[in-house]
Amino acid sequence: MAEFLFAAACFILLVVGVGLARILYGPADADRMMATQLLGTGSIALVLIVAVVRTQPAMVDAALILALLAAFAGLAYVRASGPEGDDR
């Protein structure tokens, strides 16, 4: 089981690295935001894998906080990139 989790963590780190490259060299702001969401999702997955390996249920709370921050970042981007005259 530990080998599978290690391989999964390595794959997630690889995907997060590709997302980091997209943030640095992305052609549009939306591409950069989607890559940022990928980084948030990858970090949540890594924290959950570490929580399983170390049998520390308190780390699940950290993953939930990261998920909440990623959701708020996405909402802030959508709010900032919406139509200019909308005062909702």
N, C-alpha and C. Protein backbone atom coordinates (compact mmCIF):
# COMPACT_ATOMS: atom_id res chain seq x y z
N MET A 1 0.83 -1.20 0.00
CA MET A 1 0.00 0.00 0.00
C MET A 1 0.87 1.26 0.00
N ALA A 2 1.98 1.22 0.74
CA ALA A 2 2.85 2.39 0.81
C ALA A 2 3.47 2.71 -0.55
N GLU A 3 3.78 1.68 -1.33
CA GLU A 3 4.36 1.92 -2.65
C GLU A 3 3.36 2.60 -3.58
N PHE A 4 2.11 2.17 -3.50
CA PHE A 4 1.08 2.79 -4.32
C PHE A 4 0.88 4.25 -3.94
N LEU A 5 0.84 4.54 -2.65
CA LEU A 5 0.66 5.92 -2.20
C LEU A 5 1.85 6.79 -2.59
N PHE A 6 3.07 6.21 -2.52
CA PHE A 6 4.24 6.95 -2.94
C PHE A 6 4.19 7.26 -4.43
N ALA A 7 3.77 6.28 -5.24
CA ALA A 7 3.64 6.51 -6.68
C ALA A 7 2.56 7.54 -6.98
N ALA A 8 1.46 7.49 -6.25
CA ALA A 8 0.39 8.48 -6.44
C ALA A 8 0.89 9.88 -6.07
N ALA A 9 1.64 9.98 -4.98
CA ALA A 9 2.17 11.29 -4.57
C ALA A 9 3.16 11.83 -5.61
N CYS A 10 3.98 10.95 -6.17
CA CYS A 10 4.92 11.39 -7.21
C CYS A 10 4.19 11.86 -8.45
N PHE A 11 3.14 11.16 -8.84
CA PHE A 11 2.35 11.57 -10.00
C PHE A 11 1.67 12.91 -9.75
N ILE A 12 1.14 13.10 -8.57
CA ILE A 12 0.49 14.37 -8.23
C ILE A 12 1.51 15.50 -8.26
N LEU A 13 2.71 15.26 -7.74
CA LEU A 13 3.75 16.29 -7.79
C LEU A 13 4.15 16.62 -9.22
N LEU A 14 4.17 15.63 -10.09
CA LEU A 14 4.48 15.87 -11.50
C LEU A 14 3.41 16.75 -12.14
N VAL A 15 2.16 16.44 -11.88
CA VAL A 15 1.05 17.23 -12.44
C VAL A 15 1.07 18.64 -11.88
N VAL A 16 1.38 18.78 -10.61
CA VAL A 16 1.46 20.11 -10.00
C VAL A 16 2.61 20.91 -10.62
N GLY A 17 3.71 20.23 -10.93
CA GLY A 17 4.83 20.91 -11.60
C GLY A 17 4.44 21.42 -12.98
N VAL A 18 3.67 20.64 -13.71
CA VAL A 18 3.17 21.09 -15.01
C VAL A 18 2.24 22.29 -14.83
N GLY A 19 1.42 22.25 -13.79
CA GLY A 19 0.55 23.38 -13.50
C GLY A 19 1.33 24.63 -13.13
N LEU A 20 2.44 24.45 -12.42
CA LEU A 20 3.29 25.60 -12.07
C LEU A 20 3.88 26.22 -13.32
N ALA A 21 4.28 25.38 -14.27
CA ALA A 21 4.78 25.90 -15.54
C ALA A 21 3.69 26.68 -16.27
N ARG A 22 2.45 26.21 -16.20
CA ARG A 22 1.34 26.91 -16.84
C ARG A 22 1.09 28.27 -16.17
N ILE A 23 1.28 28.33 -14.86
CA ILE A 23 1.11 29.61 -14.17
C ILE A 23 2.17 30.60 -14.64
N LEU A 24 3.39 30.13 -14.77
CA LEU A 24 4.48 31.03 -15.15
C LEU A 24 4.41 31.45 -16.61
N TYR A 25 3.98 30.55 -17.50
CA TYR A 25 4.02 30.83 -18.94
C TYR A 25 2.66 30.79 -19.61
N GLY A 26 1.59 30.80 -18.86
CA GLY A 26 0.25 30.70 -19.44
C GLY A 26 -0.09 31.90 -20.30
N PRO A 27 -0.81 31.68 -21.40
CA PRO A 27 -1.11 32.80 -22.29
C PRO A 27 -2.19 33.74 -21.76
N ALA A 28 -3.10 33.25 -20.94
CA ALA A 28 -4.21 34.10 -20.50
C ALA A 28 -4.40 33.97 -18.99
N ASP A 29 -5.11 34.94 -18.44
CA ASP A 29 -5.37 34.92 -17.00
C ASP A 29 -6.21 33.71 -16.59
N ALA A 30 -7.15 33.31 -17.44
CA ALA A 30 -7.99 32.16 -17.11
C ALA A 30 -7.16 30.88 -17.04
N ASP A 31 -6.17 30.75 -17.92
CA ASP A 31 -5.28 29.59 -17.87
C ASP A 31 -4.50 29.57 -16.56
N ARG A 32 -4.05 30.71 -16.16
CA ARG A 32 -3.30 30.80 -14.90
C ARG A 32 -4.19 30.47 -13.70
N MET A 33 -5.43 30.91 -13.74
CA MET A 33 -6.34 30.62 -12.63
C MET A 33 -6.67 29.13 -12.56
N MET A 34 -6.87 28.51 -13.69
CA MET A 34 -7.14 27.07 -13.70
C MET A 34 -5.93 26.29 -13.19
N ALA A 35 -4.72 26.75 -13.53
CA ALA A 35 -3.52 26.09 -13.02
C ALA A 35 -3.40 26.31 -11.51
N THR A 36 -3.82 27.45 -11.04
CA THR A 36 -3.81 27.70 -9.59
C THR A 36 -4.79 26.78 -8.89
N GLN A 37 -5.95 26.55 -9.48
CA GLN A 37 -6.90 25.59 -8.92
C GLN A 37 -6.31 24.18 -8.92
N LEU A 38 -5.54 23.85 -9.96
CA LEU A 38 -4.86 22.56 -10.00
C LEU A 38 -3.86 22.43 -8.86
N LEU A 39 -3.13 23.50 -8.58
CA LEU A 39 -2.19 23.48 -7.45
C LEU A 39 -2.92 23.27 -6.13
N GLY A 40 -4.06 23.91 -5.98
CA GLY A 40 -4.85 23.74 -4.77
C GLY A 40 -5.35 22.31 -4.62
N THR A 41 -5.84 21.74 -5.71
CA THR A 41 -6.33 20.37 -5.67
C THR A 41 -5.19 19.39 -5.41
N GLY A 42 -4.05 19.63 -6.04
CA GLY A 42 -2.89 18.76 -5.82
C GLY A 42 -2.39 18.82 -4.39
N SER A 43 -2.39 20.01 -3.82
CA SER A 43 -1.93 20.12 -2.43
C SER A 43 -2.91 19.43 -1.47
N ILE A 44 -4.18 19.51 -1.77
CA ILE A 44 -5.17 18.80 -0.95
C ILE A 44 -4.94 17.30 -1.03
N ALA A 45 -4.72 16.80 -2.24
CA ALA A 45 -4.48 15.37 -2.41
C ALA A 45 -3.22 14.93 -1.69
N LEU A 46 -2.16 15.72 -1.76
CA LEU A 46 -0.91 15.36 -1.07
C LEU A 46 -1.08 15.37 0.44
N VAL A 47 -1.79 16.35 0.96
CA VAL A 47 -2.02 16.39 2.40
C VAL A 47 -2.84 15.18 2.85
N LEU A 48 -3.83 14.78 2.06
CA LEU A 48 -4.63 13.61 2.42
C LEU A 48 -3.81 12.32 2.34
N ILE A 49 -2.92 12.21 1.36
CA ILE A 49 -2.06 11.03 1.28
C ILE A 49 -1.13 10.96 2.48
N VAL A 50 -0.55 12.09 2.85
CA VAL A 50 0.33 12.12 4.03
C VAL A 50 -0.48 11.79 5.29
N ALA A 51 -1.71 12.25 5.37
CA ALA A 51 -2.55 11.94 6.54
C ALA A 51 -2.81 10.45 6.64
N VAL A 52 -3.00 9.78 5.50
CA VAL A 52 -3.24 8.34 5.51
C VAL A 52 -1.96 7.60 5.91
N VAL A 53 -0.84 8.00 5.35
CA VAL A 53 0.42 7.32 5.64
C VAL A 53 0.82 7.48 7.11
N ARG A 54 0.67 8.68 7.63
CA ARG A 54 1.07 8.93 9.02
C ARG A 54 -0.02 8.66 10.03
N THR A 55 -1.20 8.29 9.58
CA THR A 55 -2.39 8.06 10.42
C THR A 55 -2.64 9.22 11.38
N GLN A 56 -2.68 10.41 10.80
CA GLN A 56 -2.97 11.61 11.57
C GLN A 56 -4.27 12.24 11.05
N PRO A 57 -5.36 12.00 11.73
CA PRO A 57 -6.63 12.55 11.24
C PRO A 57 -6.70 14.07 11.33
N ALA A 58 -5.83 14.69 12.10
CA ALA A 58 -5.87 16.16 12.20
C ALA A 58 -5.45 16.81 10.89
N MET A 59 -4.70 16.10 10.06
CA MET A 59 -4.28 16.68 8.78
C MET A 59 -5.44 16.79 7.80
N VAL A 60 -6.50 16.06 8.04
CA VAL A 60 -7.69 16.18 7.20
C VAL A 60 -8.28 17.58 7.35
N ASP A 61 -8.19 18.14 8.54
CA ASP A 61 -8.66 19.52 8.74
C ASP A 61 -7.86 20.50 7.89
N ALA A 62 -6.55 20.27 7.79
CA ALA A 62 -5.72 21.13 6.95
C ALA A 62 -6.13 21.00 5.49
N ALA A 63 -6.47 19.80 5.05
CA ALA A 63 -6.93 19.62 3.67
C ALA A 63 -8.25 20.33 3.44
N LEU A 64 -9.14 20.30 4.41
CA LEU A 64 -10.42 21.01 4.27
C LEU A 64 -10.22 22.52 4.19
N ILE A 65 -9.27 23.03 4.97
CA ILE A 65 -8.97 24.47 4.92
C ILE A 65 -8.40 24.84 3.55
N LEU A 66 -7.51 24.00 3.01
CA LEU A 66 -6.97 24.26 1.68
C LEU A 66 -8.08 24.23 0.62
N ALA A 67 -9.02 23.32 0.76
CA ALA A 67 -10.14 23.25 -0.19
C ALA A 67 -10.99 24.51 -0.11
N LEU A 68 -11.21 24.99 1.08
CA LEU A 68 -11.99 26.21 1.25
C LEU A 68 -11.27 27.42 0.66
N LEU A 69 -9.96 27.50 0.86
CA LEU A 69 -9.19 28.60 0.28
C LEU A 69 -9.19 28.54 -1.24
N ALA A 70 -9.09 27.34 -1.81
CA ALA A 70 -9.11 27.20 -3.26
C ALA A 70 -10.47 27.62 -3.82
N ALA A 71 -11.53 27.26 -3.14
CA ALA A 71 -12.87 27.66 -3.59
C ALA A 71 -13.03 29.17 -3.54
N PHE A 72 -12.57 29.80 -2.47
CA PHE A 72 -12.66 31.26 -2.38
C PHE A 72 -11.80 31.95 -3.43
N ALA A 73 -10.65 31.38 -3.75
CA ALA A 73 -9.80 31.97 -4.79
C ALA A 73 -10.51 31.92 -6.14
N GLY A 74 -11.16 30.81 -6.43
CA GLY A 74 -11.91 30.71 -7.69
C GLY A 74 -13.07 31.69 -7.74
N LEU A 75 -13.77 31.82 -6.64
CA LEU A 75 -14.89 32.78 -6.59
C LEU A 75 -14.40 34.21 -6.73
N ALA A 76 -13.27 34.53 -6.11
CA ALA A 76 -12.72 35.88 -6.22
C ALA A 76 -12.31 36.19 -7.65
N TYR A 77 -11.74 35.20 -8.34
CA TYR A 77 -11.36 35.41 -9.74
C TYR A 77 -12.59 35.66 -10.60
N VAL A 78 -13.61 34.85 -10.43
CA VAL A 78 -14.83 35.01 -11.23
C VAL A 78 -15.47 36.36 -10.93
N ARG A 79 -15.49 36.74 -9.69
CA ARG A 79 -16.08 38.03 -9.31
C ARG A 79 -15.29 39.19 -9.93
N ALA A 80 -13.97 39.08 -9.93
CA ALA A 80 -13.13 40.16 -10.45
C ALA A 80 -13.15 40.22 -11.98
N SER A 81 -13.38 39.11 -12.63
CA SER A 81 -13.35 39.09 -14.09
C SER A 81 -14.72 39.20 -14.73
N GLY A 82 -15.75 39.43 -13.91
CA GLY A 82 -17.11 39.55 -14.43
C GLY A 82 -17.33 40.87 -15.16
N PRO A 83 -18.55 41.10 -15.60
CA PRO A 83 -18.86 42.36 -16.28
C PRO A 83 -18.63 43.55 -15.36
N GLU A 84 -18.17 44.63 -15.96
CA GLU A 84 -17.74 45.78 -15.17
C GLU A 84 -18.89 46.52 -14.47
N GLY A 85 -20.03 46.61 -15.06
CA GLY A 85 -21.13 47.39 -14.48
C GLY A 85 -22.01 46.63 -13.52
N ASP A 86 -21.71 45.41 -13.18
CA ASP A 86 -22.57 44.57 -12.34
C ASP A 86 -22.25 44.80 -10.86
N ASP A 87 -23.20 45.36 -10.11
CA ASP A 87 -22.96 45.68 -8.70
C ASP A 87 -23.71 44.74 -7.78
N ARG A 88 -23.76 43.48 -8.06
CA ARG A 88 -24.49 42.53 -7.20
C ARG A 88 -23.83 42.34 -5.90
